[in-house]
Every structure is written in C-alpha cells, then in structure tokens.
Amino acid sequence: DVTLIGLNKERQPTFSAGVAILTA
C-alpha cells in the first residue's frame, strides 16, 4: 500500500527494510 512520491513500484517491497537498516 506504500505510495510515496519518489518511490517506484519495483523498489516498494524492500524499501521499508532498507529504511530500518539505514536508520539503525
């Protein structure tokens, strides 16, 4: 359901995990 400006459909499934990793 994640729809954010700048986020393409292909990146959508793994984006949240990537954000968690970088924040940590």
PDBML (XML) file of the C-alpha atoms, coordinates in Angstrom:
<?xml version="1.0" encoding="UTF-8" ?>
<PDBx:datablock datablockName="MODEL"
   xmlns:PDBx="http://pdbml.pdb.org/schema/pdbx-v50.xsd"
   xmlns:xsi="http://www.w3.org/2001/XMLSchema-instance"
   xsi:schemaLocation="http://pdbml.pdb.org/schema/pdbx-v50.xsd pdbx-v50.xsd">
   <PDBx:atom_siteCategory>
      <PDBx:atom_site id="1">
         <PDBx:B_iso_or_equiv>0.00</PDBx:B_iso_or_equiv>
         <PDBx:Cartn_x>0.000</PDBx:Cartn_x>
         <PDBx:Cartn_y>0.000</PDBx:Cartn_y>
         <PDBx:Cartn_z>0.000</PDBx:Cartn_z>
         <PDBx:auth_asym_id>A</PDBx:auth_asym_id>
         <PDBx:auth_atom_id>CA</PDBx:auth_atom_id>
         <PDBx:auth_comp_id>ASP</PDBx:auth_comp_id>
         <PDBx:auth_seq_id>1</PDBx:auth_seq_id>
         <PDBx:group_PDB>ATOM</PDBx:group_PDB>
         <PDBx:label_alt_id xsi:nil="true" />
         <PDBx:label_asym_id>A</PDBx:label_asym_id>
         <PDBx:label_atom_id>CA</PDBx:label_atom_id>
         <PDBx:label_comp_id>ASP</PDBx:label_comp_id>
         <PDBx:label_entity_id>1</PDBx:label_entity_id>
         <PDBx:label_seq_id>1</PDBx:label_seq_id>
         <PDBx:occupancy>1.00</PDBx:occupancy>
         <PDBx:pdbx_PDB_model_num>1</PDBx:pdbx_PDB_model_num>
         <PDBx:type_symbol>C</PDBx:type_symbol>
      </PDBx:atom_site>
      <PDBx:atom_site id="2">
         <PDBx:B_iso_or_equiv>0.00</PDBx:B_iso_or_equiv>
         <PDBx:Cartn_x>3.038</PDBx:Cartn_x>
         <PDBx:Cartn_y>2.285</PDBx:Cartn_y>
         <PDBx:Cartn_z>0.366</PDBx:Cartn_z>
         <PDBx:auth_asym_id>A</PDBx:auth_asym_id>
         <PDBx:auth_atom_id>CA</PDBx:auth_atom_id>
         <PDBx:auth_comp_id>VAL</PDBx:auth_comp_id>
         <PDBx:auth_seq_id>2</PDBx:auth_seq_id>
         <PDBx:group_PDB>ATOM</PDBx:group_PDB>
         <PDBx:label_alt_id xsi:nil="true" />
         <PDBx:label_asym_id>A</PDBx:label_asym_id>
         <PDBx:label_atom_id>CA</PDBx:label_atom_id>
         <PDBx:label_comp_id>VAL</PDBx:label_comp_id>
         <PDBx:label_entity_id>1</PDBx:label_entity_id>
         <PDBx:label_seq_id>2</PDBx:label_seq_id>
         <PDBx:occupancy>1.00</PDBx:occupancy>
         <PDBx:pdbx_PDB_model_num>1</PDBx:pdbx_PDB_model_num>
         <PDBx:type_symbol>C</PDBx:type_symbol>
      </PDBx:atom_site>
      <PDBx:atom_site id="3">
         <PDBx:B_iso_or_equiv>0.00</PDBx:B_iso_or_equiv>
         <PDBx:Cartn_x>2.624</PDBx:Cartn_x>
         <PDBx:Cartn_y>5.170</PDBx:Cartn_y>
         <PDBx:Cartn_z>-2.057</PDBx:Cartn_z>
         <PDBx:auth_asym_id>A</PDBx:auth_asym_id>
         <PDBx:auth_atom_id>CA</PDBx:auth_atom_id>
         <PDBx:auth_comp_id>THR</PDBx:auth_comp_id>
         <PDBx:auth_seq_id>3</PDBx:auth_seq_id>
         <PDBx:group_PDB>ATOM</PDBx:group_PDB>
         <PDBx:label_alt_id xsi:nil="true" />
         <PDBx:label_asym_id>A</PDBx:label_asym_id>
         <PDBx:label_atom_id>CA</PDBx:label_atom_id>
         <PDBx:label_comp_id>THR</PDBx:label_comp_id>
         <PDBx:label_entity_id>1</PDBx:label_entity_id>
         <PDBx:label_seq_id>3</PDBx:label_seq_id>
         <PDBx:occupancy>1.00</PDBx:occupancy>
         <PDBx:pdbx_PDB_model_num>1</PDBx:pdbx_PDB_model_num>
         <PDBx:type_symbol>C</PDBx:type_symbol>
      </PDBx:atom_site>
      <PDBx:atom_site id="4">
         <PDBx:B_iso_or_equiv>0.00</PDBx:B_iso_or_equiv>
         <PDBx:Cartn_x>5.219</PDBx:Cartn_x>
         <PDBx:Cartn_y>7.875</PDBx:Cartn_y>
         <PDBx:Cartn_z>-1.572</PDBx:Cartn_z>
         <PDBx:auth_asym_id>A</PDBx:auth_asym_id>
         <PDBx:auth_atom_id>CA</PDBx:auth_atom_id>
         <PDBx:auth_comp_id>LEU</PDBx:auth_comp_id>
         <PDBx:auth_seq_id>4</PDBx:auth_seq_id>
         <PDBx:group_PDB>ATOM</PDBx:group_PDB>
         <PDBx:label_alt_id xsi:nil="true" />
         <PDBx:label_asym_id>A</PDBx:label_asym_id>
         <PDBx:label_atom_id>CA</PDBx:label_atom_id>
         <PDBx:label_comp_id>LEU</PDBx:label_comp_id>
         <PDBx:label_entity_id>1</PDBx:label_entity_id>
         <PDBx:label_seq_id>4</PDBx:label_seq_id>
         <PDBx:occupancy>1.00</PDBx:occupancy>
         <PDBx:pdbx_PDB_model_num>1</PDBx:pdbx_PDB_model_num>
         <PDBx:type_symbol>C</PDBx:type_symbol>
      </PDBx:atom_site>
      <PDBx:atom_site id="5">
         <PDBx:B_iso_or_equiv>0.00</PDBx:B_iso_or_equiv>
         <PDBx:Cartn_x>6.444</PDBx:Cartn_x>
         <PDBx:Cartn_y>10.446</PDBx:Cartn_y>
         <PDBx:Cartn_z>-4.106</PDBx:Cartn_z>
         <PDBx:auth_asym_id>A</PDBx:auth_asym_id>
         <PDBx:auth_atom_id>CA</PDBx:auth_atom_id>
         <PDBx:auth_comp_id>ILE</PDBx:auth_comp_id>
         <PDBx:auth_seq_id>5</PDBx:auth_seq_id>
         <PDBx:group_PDB>ATOM</PDBx:group_PDB>
         <PDBx:label_alt_id xsi:nil="true" />
         <PDBx:label_asym_id>A</PDBx:label_asym_id>
         <PDBx:label_atom_id>CA</PDBx:label_atom_id>
         <PDBx:label_comp_id>ILE</PDBx:label_comp_id>
         <PDBx:label_entity_id>1</PDBx:label_entity_id>
         <PDBx:label_seq_id>5</PDBx:label_seq_id>
         <PDBx:occupancy>1.00</PDBx:occupancy>
         <PDBx:pdbx_PDB_model_num>1</PDBx:pdbx_PDB_model_num>
         <PDBx:type_symbol>C</PDBx:type_symbol>
      </PDBx:atom_site>
      <PDBx:atom_site id="6">
         <PDBx:B_iso_or_equiv>0.00</PDBx:B_iso_or_equiv>
         <PDBx:Cartn_x>9.820</PDBx:Cartn_x>
         <PDBx:Cartn_y>9.284</PDBx:Cartn_y>
         <PDBx:Cartn_z>-5.397</PDBx:Cartn_z>
         <PDBx:auth_asym_id>A</PDBx:auth_asym_id>
         <PDBx:auth_atom_id>CA</PDBx:auth_atom_id>
         <PDBx:auth_comp_id>GLY</PDBx:auth_comp_id>
         <PDBx:auth_seq_id>6</PDBx:auth_seq_id>
         <PDBx:group_PDB>ATOM</PDBx:group_PDB>
         <PDBx:label_alt_id xsi:nil="true" />
         <PDBx:label_asym_id>A</PDBx:label_asym_id>
         <PDBx:label_atom_id>CA</PDBx:label_atom_id>
         <PDBx:label_comp_id>GLY</PDBx:label_comp_id>
         <PDBx:label_entity_id>1</PDBx:label_entity_id>
         <PDBx:label_seq_id>6</PDBx:label_seq_id>
         <PDBx:occupancy>1.00</PDBx:occupancy>
         <PDBx:pdbx_PDB_model_num>1</PDBx:pdbx_PDB_model_num>
         <PDBx:type_symbol>C</PDBx:type_symbol>
      </PDBx:atom_site>
      <PDBx:atom_site id="7">
         <PDBx:B_iso_or_equiv>0.00</PDBx:B_iso_or_equiv>
         <PDBx:Cartn_x>9.292</PDBx:Cartn_x>
         <PDBx:Cartn_y>5.578</PDBx:Cartn_y>
         <PDBx:Cartn_z>-4.625</PDBx:Cartn_z>
         <PDBx:auth_asym_id>A</PDBx:auth_asym_id>
         <PDBx:auth_atom_id>CA</PDBx:auth_atom_id>
         <PDBx:auth_comp_id>LEU</PDBx:auth_comp_id>
         <PDBx:auth_seq_id>7</PDBx:auth_seq_id>
         <PDBx:group_PDB>ATOM</PDBx:group_PDB>
         <PDBx:label_alt_id xsi:nil="true" />
         <PDBx:label_asym_id>A</PDBx:label_asym_id>
         <PDBx:label_atom_id>CA</PDBx:label_atom_id>
         <PDBx:label_comp_id>LEU</PDBx:label_comp_id>
         <PDBx:label_entity_id>1</PDBx:label_entity_id>
         <PDBx:label_seq_id>7</PDBx:label_seq_id>
         <PDBx:occupancy>1.00</PDBx:occupancy>
         <PDBx:pdbx_PDB_model_num>1</PDBx:pdbx_PDB_model_num>
         <PDBx:type_symbol>C</PDBx:type_symbol>
      </PDBx:atom_site>
      <PDBx:atom_site id="8">
         <PDBx:B_iso_or_equiv>0.00</PDBx:B_iso_or_equiv>
         <PDBx:Cartn_x>8.900</PDBx:Cartn_x>
         <PDBx:Cartn_y>3.404</PDBx:Cartn_y>
         <PDBx:Cartn_z>-7.696</PDBx:Cartn_z>
         <PDBx:auth_asym_id>A</PDBx:auth_asym_id>
         <PDBx:auth_atom_id>CA</PDBx:auth_atom_id>
         <PDBx:auth_comp_id>ASN</PDBx:auth_comp_id>
         <PDBx:auth_seq_id>8</PDBx:auth_seq_id>
         <PDBx:group_PDB>ATOM</PDBx:group_PDB>
         <PDBx:label_alt_id xsi:nil="true" />
         <PDBx:label_asym_id>A</PDBx:label_asym_id>
         <PDBx:label_atom_id>CA</PDBx:label_atom_id>
         <PDBx:label_comp_id>ASN</PDBx:label_comp_id>
         <PDBx:label_entity_id>1</PDBx:label_entity_id>
         <PDBx:label_seq_id>8</PDBx:label_seq_id>
         <PDBx:occupancy>1.00</PDBx:occupancy>
         <PDBx:pdbx_PDB_model_num>1</PDBx:pdbx_PDB_model_num>
         <PDBx:type_symbol>C</PDBx:type_symbol>
      </PDBx:atom_site>
      <PDBx:atom_site id="9">
         <PDBx:B_iso_or_equiv>0.00</PDBx:B_iso_or_equiv>
         <PDBx:Cartn_x>6.844</PDBx:Cartn_x>
         <PDBx:Cartn_y>0.206</PDBx:Cartn_y>
         <PDBx:Cartn_z>-7.766</PDBx:Cartn_z>
         <PDBx:auth_asym_id>A</PDBx:auth_asym_id>
         <PDBx:auth_atom_id>CA</PDBx:auth_atom_id>
         <PDBx:auth_comp_id>LYS</PDBx:auth_comp_id>
         <PDBx:auth_seq_id>9</PDBx:auth_seq_id>
         <PDBx:group_PDB>ATOM</PDBx:group_PDB>
         <PDBx:label_alt_id xsi:nil="true" />
         <PDBx:label_asym_id>A</PDBx:label_asym_id>
         <PDBx:label_atom_id>CA</PDBx:label_atom_id>
         <PDBx:label_comp_id>LYS</PDBx:label_comp_id>
         <PDBx:label_entity_id>1</PDBx:label_entity_id>
         <PDBx:label_seq_id>9</PDBx:label_seq_id>
         <PDBx:occupancy>1.00</PDBx:occupancy>
         <PDBx:pdbx_PDB_model_num>1</PDBx:pdbx_PDB_model_num>
         <PDBx:type_symbol>C</PDBx:type_symbol>
      </PDBx:atom_site>
      <PDBx:atom_site id="10">
         <PDBx:B_iso_or_equiv>0.00</PDBx:B_iso_or_equiv>
         <PDBx:Cartn_x>9.899</PDBx:Cartn_x>
         <PDBx:Cartn_y>-2.070</PDBx:Cartn_y>
         <PDBx:Cartn_z>-8.138</PDBx:Cartn_z>
         <PDBx:auth_asym_id>A</PDBx:auth_asym_id>
         <PDBx:auth_atom_id>CA</PDBx:auth_atom_id>
         <PDBx:auth_comp_id>GLU</PDBx:auth_comp_id>
         <PDBx:auth_seq_id>10</PDBx:auth_seq_id>
         <PDBx:group_PDB>ATOM</PDBx:group_PDB>
         <PDBx:label_alt_id xsi:nil="true" />
         <PDBx:label_asym_id>A</PDBx:label_asym_id>
         <PDBx:label_atom_id>CA</PDBx:label_atom_id>
         <PDBx:label_comp_id>GLU</PDBx:label_comp_id>
         <PDBx:label_entity_id>1</PDBx:label_entity_id>
         <PDBx:label_seq_id>10</PDBx:label_seq_id>
         <PDBx:occupancy>1.00</PDBx:occupancy>
         <PDBx:pdbx_PDB_model_num>1</PDBx:pdbx_PDB_model_num>
         <PDBx:type_symbol>C</PDBx:type_symbol>
      </PDBx:atom_site>
      <PDBx:atom_site id="11">
         <PDBx:B_iso_or_equiv>0.00</PDBx:B_iso_or_equiv>
         <PDBx:Cartn_x>11.570</PDBx:Cartn_x>
         <PDBx:Cartn_y>-0.730</PDBx:Cartn_y>
         <PDBx:Cartn_z>-5.004</PDBx:Cartn_z>
         <PDBx:auth_asym_id>A</PDBx:auth_asym_id>
         <PDBx:auth_atom_id>CA</PDBx:auth_atom_id>
         <PDBx:auth_comp_id>ARG</PDBx:auth_comp_id>
         <PDBx:auth_seq_id>11</PDBx:auth_seq_id>
         <PDBx:group_PDB>ATOM</PDBx:group_PDB>
         <PDBx:label_alt_id xsi:nil="true" />
         <PDBx:label_asym_id>A</PDBx:label_asym_id>
         <PDBx:label_atom_id>CA</PDBx:label_atom_id>
         <PDBx:label_comp_id>ARG</PDBx:label_comp_id>
         <PDBx:label_entity_id>1</PDBx:label_entity_id>
         <PDBx:label_seq_id>11</PDBx:label_seq_id>
         <PDBx:occupancy>1.00</PDBx:occupancy>
         <PDBx:pdbx_PDB_model_num>1</PDBx:pdbx_PDB_model_num>
         <PDBx:type_symbol>C</PDBx:type_symbol>
      </PDBx:atom_site>
      <PDBx:atom_site id="12">
         <PDBx:B_iso_or_equiv>0.00</PDBx:B_iso_or_equiv>
         <PDBx:Cartn_x>8.347</PDBx:Cartn_x>
         <PDBx:Cartn_y>-0.829</PDBx:Cartn_y>
         <PDBx:Cartn_z>-2.944</PDBx:Cartn_z>
         <PDBx:auth_asym_id>A</PDBx:auth_asym_id>
         <PDBx:auth_atom_id>CA</PDBx:auth_atom_id>
         <PDBx:auth_comp_id>GLN</PDBx:auth_comp_id>
         <PDBx:auth_seq_id>12</PDBx:auth_seq_id>
         <PDBx:group_PDB>ATOM</PDBx:group_PDB>
         <PDBx:label_alt_id xsi:nil="true" />
         <PDBx:label_asym_id>A</PDBx:label_asym_id>
         <PDBx:label_atom_id>CA</PDBx:label_atom_id>
         <PDBx:label_comp_id>GLN</PDBx:label_comp_id>
         <PDBx:label_entity_id>1</PDBx:label_entity_id>
         <PDBx:label_seq_id>12</PDBx:label_seq_id>
         <PDBx:occupancy>1.00</PDBx:occupancy>
         <PDBx:pdbx_PDB_model_num>1</PDBx:pdbx_PDB_model_num>
         <PDBx:type_symbol>C</PDBx:type_symbol>
      </PDBx:atom_site>
      <PDBx:atom_site id="13">
         <PDBx:B_iso_or_equiv>0.00</PDBx:B_iso_or_equiv>
         <PDBx:Cartn_x>8.644</PDBx:Cartn_x>
         <PDBx:Cartn_y>-4.395</PDBx:Cartn_y>
         <PDBx:Cartn_z>-1.463</PDBx:Cartn_z>
         <PDBx:auth_asym_id>A</PDBx:auth_asym_id>
         <PDBx:auth_atom_id>CA</PDBx:auth_atom_id>
         <PDBx:auth_comp_id>PRO</PDBx:auth_comp_id>
         <PDBx:auth_seq_id>13</PDBx:auth_seq_id>
         <PDBx:group_PDB>ATOM</PDBx:group_PDB>
         <PDBx:label_alt_id xsi:nil="true" />
         <PDBx:label_asym_id>A</PDBx:label_asym_id>
         <PDBx:label_atom_id>CA</PDBx:label_atom_id>
         <PDBx:label_comp_id>PRO</PDBx:label_comp_id>
         <PDBx:label_entity_id>1</PDBx:label_entity_id>
         <PDBx:label_seq_id>13</PDBx:label_seq_id>
         <PDBx:occupancy>1.00</PDBx:occupancy>
         <PDBx:pdbx_PDB_model_num>1</PDBx:pdbx_PDB_model_num>
         <PDBx:type_symbol>C</PDBx:type_symbol>
      </PDBx:atom_site>
      <PDBx:atom_site id="14">
         <PDBx:B_iso_or_equiv>0.00</PDBx:B_iso_or_equiv>
         <PDBx:Cartn_x>12.148</PDBx:Cartn_x>
         <PDBx:Cartn_y>-3.935</PDBx:Cartn_y>
         <PDBx:Cartn_z>0.015</PDBx:Cartn_z>
         <PDBx:auth_asym_id>A</PDBx:auth_asym_id>
         <PDBx:auth_atom_id>CA</PDBx:auth_atom_id>
         <PDBx:auth_comp_id>THR</PDBx:auth_comp_id>
         <PDBx:auth_seq_id>14</PDBx:auth_seq_id>
         <PDBx:group_PDB>ATOM</PDBx:group_PDB>
         <PDBx:label_alt_id xsi:nil="true" />
         <PDBx:label_asym_id>A</PDBx:label_asym_id>
         <PDBx:label_atom_id>CA</PDBx:label_atom_id>
         <PDBx:label_comp_id>THR</PDBx:label_comp_id>
         <PDBx:label_entity_id>1</PDBx:label_entity_id>
         <PDBx:label_seq_id>14</PDBx:label_seq_id>
         <PDBx:occupancy>1.00</PDBx:occupancy>
         <PDBx:pdbx_PDB_model_num>1</PDBx:pdbx_PDB_model_num>
         <PDBx:type_symbol>C</PDBx:type_symbol>
      </PDBx:atom_site>
      <PDBx:atom_site id="15">
         <PDBx:B_iso_or_equiv>0.00</PDBx:B_iso_or_equiv>
         <PDBx:Cartn_x>12.024</PDBx:Cartn_x>
         <PDBx:Cartn_y>-0.209</PDBx:Cartn_y>
         <PDBx:Cartn_z>0.815</PDBx:Cartn_z>
         <PDBx:auth_asym_id>A</PDBx:auth_asym_id>
         <PDBx:auth_atom_id>CA</PDBx:auth_atom_id>
         <PDBx:auth_comp_id>PHE</PDBx:auth_comp_id>
         <PDBx:auth_seq_id>15</PDBx:auth_seq_id>
         <PDBx:group_PDB>ATOM</PDBx:group_PDB>
         <PDBx:label_alt_id xsi:nil="true" />
         <PDBx:label_asym_id>A</PDBx:label_asym_id>
         <PDBx:label_atom_id>CA</PDBx:label_atom_id>
         <PDBx:label_comp_id>PHE</PDBx:label_comp_id>
         <PDBx:label_entity_id>1</PDBx:label_entity_id>
         <PDBx:label_seq_id>15</PDBx:label_seq_id>
         <PDBx:occupancy>1.00</PDBx:occupancy>
         <PDBx:pdbx_PDB_model_num>1</PDBx:pdbx_PDB_model_num>
         <PDBx:type_symbol>C</PDBx:type_symbol>
      </PDBx:atom_site>
      <PDBx:atom_site id="16">
         <PDBx:B_iso_or_equiv>0.00</PDBx:B_iso_or_equiv>
         <PDBx:Cartn_x>10.831</PDBx:Cartn_x>
         <PDBx:Cartn_y>-0.476</PDBx:Cartn_y>
         <PDBx:Cartn_z>4.447</PDBx:Cartn_z>
         <PDBx:auth_asym_id>A</PDBx:auth_asym_id>
         <PDBx:auth_atom_id>CA</PDBx:auth_atom_id>
         <PDBx:auth_comp_id>SER</PDBx:auth_comp_id>
         <PDBx:auth_seq_id>16</PDBx:auth_seq_id>
         <PDBx:group_PDB>ATOM</PDBx:group_PDB>
         <PDBx:label_alt_id xsi:nil="true" />
         <PDBx:label_asym_id>A</PDBx:label_asym_id>
         <PDBx:label_atom_id>CA</PDBx:label_atom_id>
         <PDBx:label_comp_id>SER</PDBx:label_comp_id>
         <PDBx:label_entity_id>1</PDBx:label_entity_id>
         <PDBx:label_seq_id>16</PDBx:label_seq_id>
         <PDBx:occupancy>1.00</PDBx:occupancy>
         <PDBx:pdbx_PDB_model_num>1</PDBx:pdbx_PDB_model_num>
         <PDBx:type_symbol>C</PDBx:type_symbol>
      </PDBx:atom_site>
      <PDBx:atom_site id="17">
         <PDBx:B_iso_or_equiv>0.00</PDBx:B_iso_or_equiv>
         <PDBx:Cartn_x>13.580</PDBx:Cartn_x>
         <PDBx:Cartn_y>-2.960</PDBx:Cartn_y>
         <PDBx:Cartn_z>5.390</PDBx:Cartn_z>
         <PDBx:auth_asym_id>A</PDBx:auth_asym_id>
         <PDBx:auth_atom_id>CA</PDBx:auth_atom_id>
         <PDBx:auth_comp_id>ALA</PDBx:auth_comp_id>
         <PDBx:auth_seq_id>17</PDBx:auth_seq_id>
         <PDBx:group_PDB>ATOM</PDBx:group_PDB>
         <PDBx:label_alt_id xsi:nil="true" />
         <PDBx:label_asym_id>A</PDBx:label_asym_id>
         <PDBx:label_atom_id>CA</PDBx:label_atom_id>
         <PDBx:label_comp_id>ALA</PDBx:label_comp_id>
         <PDBx:label_entity_id>1</PDBx:label_entity_id>
         <PDBx:label_seq_id>17</PDBx:label_seq_id>
         <PDBx:occupancy>1.00</PDBx:occupancy>
         <PDBx:pdbx_PDB_model_num>1</PDBx:pdbx_PDB_model_num>
         <PDBx:type_symbol>C</PDBx:type_symbol>
      </PDBx:atom_site>
      <PDBx:atom_site id="18">
         <PDBx:B_iso_or_equiv>0.00</PDBx:B_iso_or_equiv>
         <PDBx:Cartn_x>16.140</PDBx:Cartn_x>
         <PDBx:Cartn_y>-0.632</PDBx:Cartn_y>
         <PDBx:Cartn_z>3.758</PDBx:Cartn_z>
         <PDBx:auth_asym_id>A</PDBx:auth_asym_id>
         <PDBx:auth_atom_id>CA</PDBx:auth_atom_id>
         <PDBx:auth_comp_id>GLY</PDBx:auth_comp_id>
         <PDBx:auth_seq_id>18</PDBx:auth_seq_id>
         <PDBx:group_PDB>ATOM</PDBx:group_PDB>
         <PDBx:label_alt_id xsi:nil="true" />
         <PDBx:label_asym_id>A</PDBx:label_asym_id>
         <PDBx:label_atom_id>CA</PDBx:label_atom_id>
         <PDBx:label_comp_id>GLY</PDBx:label_comp_id>
         <PDBx:label_entity_id>1</PDBx:label_entity_id>
         <PDBx:label_seq_id>18</PDBx:label_seq_id>
         <PDBx:occupancy>1.00</PDBx:occupancy>
         <PDBx:pdbx_PDB_model_num>1</PDBx:pdbx_PDB_model_num>
         <PDBx:type_symbol>C</PDBx:type_symbol>
      </PDBx:atom_site>
      <PDBx:atom_site id="19">
         <PDBx:B_iso_or_equiv>0.00</PDBx:B_iso_or_equiv>
         <PDBx:Cartn_x>14.864</PDBx:Cartn_x>
         <PDBx:Cartn_y>2.325</PDBx:Cartn_y>
         <PDBx:Cartn_z>5.821</PDBx:Cartn_z>
         <PDBx:auth_asym_id>A</PDBx:auth_asym_id>
         <PDBx:auth_atom_id>CA</PDBx:auth_atom_id>
         <PDBx:auth_comp_id>VAL</PDBx:auth_comp_id>
         <PDBx:auth_seq_id>19</PDBx:auth_seq_id>
         <PDBx:group_PDB>ATOM</PDBx:group_PDB>
         <PDBx:label_alt_id xsi:nil="true" />
         <PDBx:label_asym_id>A</PDBx:label_asym_id>
         <PDBx:label_atom_id>CA</PDBx:label_atom_id>
         <PDBx:label_comp_id>VAL</PDBx:label_comp_id>
         <PDBx:label_entity_id>1</PDBx:label_entity_id>
         <PDBx:label_seq_id>19</PDBx:label_seq_id>
         <PDBx:occupancy>1.00</PDBx:occupancy>
         <PDBx:pdbx_PDB_model_num>1</PDBx:pdbx_PDB_model_num>
         <PDBx:type_symbol>C</PDBx:type_symbol>
      </PDBx:atom_site>
      <PDBx:atom_site id="20">
         <PDBx:B_iso_or_equiv>0.00</PDBx:B_iso_or_equiv>
         <PDBx:Cartn_x>15.052</PDBx:Cartn_x>
         <PDBx:Cartn_y>0.243</PDBx:Cartn_y>
         <PDBx:Cartn_z>9.033</PDBx:Cartn_z>
         <PDBx:auth_asym_id>A</PDBx:auth_asym_id>
         <PDBx:auth_atom_id>CA</PDBx:auth_atom_id>
         <PDBx:auth_comp_id>ALA</PDBx:auth_comp_id>
         <PDBx:auth_seq_id>20</PDBx:auth_seq_id>
         <PDBx:group_PDB>ATOM</PDBx:group_PDB>
         <PDBx:label_alt_id xsi:nil="true" />
         <PDBx:label_asym_id>A</PDBx:label_asym_id>
         <PDBx:label_atom_id>CA</PDBx:label_atom_id>
         <PDBx:label_comp_id>ALA</PDBx:label_comp_id>
         <PDBx:label_entity_id>1</PDBx:label_entity_id>
         <PDBx:label_seq_id>20</PDBx:label_seq_id>
         <PDBx:occupancy>1.00</PDBx:occupancy>
         <PDBx:pdbx_PDB_model_num>1</PDBx:pdbx_PDB_model_num>
         <PDBx:type_symbol>C</PDBx:type_symbol>
      </PDBx:atom_site>
      <PDBx:atom_site id="21">
         <PDBx:B_iso_or_equiv>0.00</PDBx:B_iso_or_equiv>
         <PDBx:Cartn_x>18.653</PDBx:Cartn_x>
         <PDBx:Cartn_y>-0.803</PDBx:Cartn_y>
         <PDBx:Cartn_z>8.249</PDBx:Cartn_z>
         <PDBx:auth_asym_id>A</PDBx:auth_asym_id>
         <PDBx:auth_atom_id>CA</PDBx:auth_atom_id>
         <PDBx:auth_comp_id>ILE</PDBx:auth_comp_id>
         <PDBx:auth_seq_id>21</PDBx:auth_seq_id>
         <PDBx:group_PDB>ATOM</PDBx:group_PDB>
         <PDBx:label_alt_id xsi:nil="true" />
         <PDBx:label_asym_id>A</PDBx:label_asym_id>
         <PDBx:label_atom_id>CA</PDBx:label_atom_id>
         <PDBx:label_comp_id>ILE</PDBx:label_comp_id>
         <PDBx:label_entity_id>1</PDBx:label_entity_id>
         <PDBx:label_seq_id>21</PDBx:label_seq_id>
         <PDBx:occupancy>1.00</PDBx:occupancy>
         <PDBx:pdbx_PDB_model_num>1</PDBx:pdbx_PDB_model_num>
         <PDBx:type_symbol>C</PDBx:type_symbol>
      </PDBx:atom_site>
      <PDBx:atom_site id="22">
         <PDBx:B_iso_or_equiv>0.00</PDBx:B_iso_or_equiv>
         <PDBx:Cartn_x>19.863</PDBx:Cartn_x>
         <PDBx:Cartn_y>2.720</PDBx:Cartn_y>
         <PDBx:Cartn_z>7.435</PDBx:Cartn_z>
         <PDBx:auth_asym_id>A</PDBx:auth_asym_id>
         <PDBx:auth_atom_id>CA</PDBx:auth_atom_id>
         <PDBx:auth_comp_id>LEU</PDBx:auth_comp_id>
         <PDBx:auth_seq_id>22</PDBx:auth_seq_id>
         <PDBx:group_PDB>ATOM</PDBx:group_PDB>
         <PDBx:label_alt_id xsi:nil="true" />
         <PDBx:label_asym_id>A</PDBx:label_asym_id>
         <PDBx:label_atom_id>CA</PDBx:label_atom_id>
         <PDBx:label_comp_id>LEU</PDBx:label_comp_id>
         <PDBx:label_entity_id>1</PDBx:label_entity_id>
         <PDBx:label_seq_id>22</PDBx:label_seq_id>
         <PDBx:occupancy>1.00</PDBx:occupancy>
         <PDBx:pdbx_PDB_model_num>1</PDBx:pdbx_PDB_model_num>
         <PDBx:type_symbol>C</PDBx:type_symbol>
      </PDBx:atom_site>
      <PDBx:atom_site id="23">
         <PDBx:B_iso_or_equiv>0.00</PDBx:B_iso_or_equiv>
         <PDBx:Cartn_x>18.146</PDBx:Cartn_x>
         <PDBx:Cartn_y>4.228</PDBx:Cartn_y>
         <PDBx:Cartn_z>10.499</PDBx:Cartn_z>
         <PDBx:auth_asym_id>A</PDBx:auth_asym_id>
         <PDBx:auth_atom_id>CA</PDBx:auth_atom_id>
         <PDBx:auth_comp_id>THR</PDBx:auth_comp_id>
         <PDBx:auth_seq_id>23</PDBx:auth_seq_id>
         <PDBx:group_PDB>ATOM</PDBx:group_PDB>
         <PDBx:label_alt_id xsi:nil="true" />
         <PDBx:label_asym_id>A</PDBx:label_asym_id>
         <PDBx:label_atom_id>CA</PDBx:label_atom_id>
         <PDBx:label_comp_id>THR</PDBx:label_comp_id>
         <PDBx:label_entity_id>1</PDBx:label_entity_id>
         <PDBx:label_seq_id>23</PDBx:label_seq_id>
         <PDBx:occupancy>1.00</PDBx:occupancy>
         <PDBx:pdbx_PDB_model_num>1</PDBx:pdbx_PDB_model_num>
         <PDBx:type_symbol>C</PDBx:type_symbol>
      </PDBx:atom_site>
      <PDBx:atom_site id="24">
         <PDBx:B_iso_or_equiv>0.00</PDBx:B_iso_or_equiv>
         <PDBx:Cartn_x>19.810</PDBx:Cartn_x>
         <PDBx:Cartn_y>1.615</PDBx:Cartn_y>
         <PDBx:Cartn_z>12.731</PDBx:Cartn_z>
         <PDBx:auth_asym_id>A</PDBx:auth_asym_id>
         <PDBx:auth_atom_id>CA</PDBx:auth_atom_id>
         <PDBx:auth_comp_id>ALA</PDBx:auth_comp_id>
         <PDBx:auth_seq_id>24</PDBx:auth_seq_id>
         <PDBx:group_PDB>ATOM</PDBx:group_PDB>
         <PDBx:label_alt_id xsi:nil="true" />
         <PDBx:label_asym_id>A</PDBx:label_asym_id>
         <PDBx:label_atom_id>CA</PDBx:label_atom_id>
         <PDBx:label_comp_id>ALA</PDBx:label_comp_id>
         <PDBx:label_entity_id>1</PDBx:label_entity_id>
         <PDBx:label_seq_id>24</PDBx:label_seq_id>
         <PDBx:occupancy>1.00</PDBx:occupancy>
         <PDBx:pdbx_PDB_model_num>1</PDBx:pdbx_PDB_model_num>
         <PDBx:type_symbol>C</PDBx:type_symbol>
      </PDBx:atom_site>
   </PDBx:atom_siteCategory>
</PDBx:datablock>
